[in-house]
């Protein structure tokens, strides 16, 4: 009996990919929030300059 059977490998890979997707989504969300914050900051700054 081997520990590295197909079922265990699949379960591990599914868990790994789920974690990777979660991390990727979190990074994308952070970038999107940063874009929004930067946009608001730039809009506020441009209105102050006028």
Protein backbone atom coordinates (compact mmCIF):
# COMPACT_ATOMS: atom_id res chain seq x y z
CA UNK A 1 0.00 0.00 0.00
CA UNK A 2 1.36 3.34 -1.03
CA UNK A 3 0.49 6.67 0.48
CA UNK A 4 0.86 8.35 -2.89
CA UNK A 5 -2.16 6.83 -4.53
CA UNK A 6 -4.27 8.70 -7.10
CA UNK A 7 -7.00 9.62 -4.64
CA UNK A 8 -4.58 11.19 -2.15
CA UNK A 9 -2.68 13.02 -4.87
CA UNK A 10 -5.91 14.44 -6.31
CA UNK A 11 -7.12 15.52 -2.87
CA UNK A 12 -3.79 17.23 -2.17
CA UNK A 13 -3.71 18.97 -5.55
CA UNK A 14 -7.30 20.18 -5.17
CA UNK A 15 -6.47 21.60 -1.76
CA UNK A 16 -3.29 23.21 -3.09
CA UNK A 17 -5.03 24.77 -6.10
CA UNK A 18 -7.84 26.06 -3.92
CA UNK A 19 -5.29 27.78 -1.66
CA UNK A 20 -3.44 29.20 -4.67
CA UNK A 21 -6.68 30.53 -6.17
CA UNK A 22 -7.57 32.13 -2.85
CA UNK A 23 -4.18 33.85 -2.64
CA UNK A 24 -4.43 35.00 -6.25
CA UNK A 25 -7.92 36.41 -5.65
CA UNK A 26 -6.74 38.24 -2.52
CA UNK A 27 -3.86 39.80 -4.47
CA UNK A 28 -6.21 40.91 -7.24
CA UNK A 29 -8.61 42.40 -4.68
CA UNK A 30 -5.75 44.33 -3.07
CA UNK A 31 -4.65 45.69 -6.46
CA UNK A 32 -8.21 46.71 -7.29
CA UNK A 33 -8.63 48.49 -3.94
CA UNK A 34 -5.31 50.26 -4.43
CA UNK A 35 -6.45 51.44 -7.88
CA UNK A 36 -9.67 52.82 -6.39
CA UNK A 37 -7.82 54.56 -3.55
CA UNK A 38 -5.30 56.04 -6.00
CA UNK A 39 -8.09 57.20 -8.27
CA UNK A 40 -9.93 58.90 -5.37
CA UNK A 41 -6.69 60.47 -4.16
CA UNK A 42 -5.86 61.81 -7.62
CA UNK A 43 -9.40 63.19 -8.06
CA UNK A 44 -9.18 64.94 -4.70
CA UNK A 45 -5.73 66.29 -5.48
CA UNK A 46 -6.79 67.63 -8.90
CA UNK A 47 -9.80 69.42 -7.39
CA UNK A 48 -7.53 71.06 -4.81
CA UNK A 49 -5.16 72.29 -7.52
CA UNK A 50 -7.95 74.11 -9.44
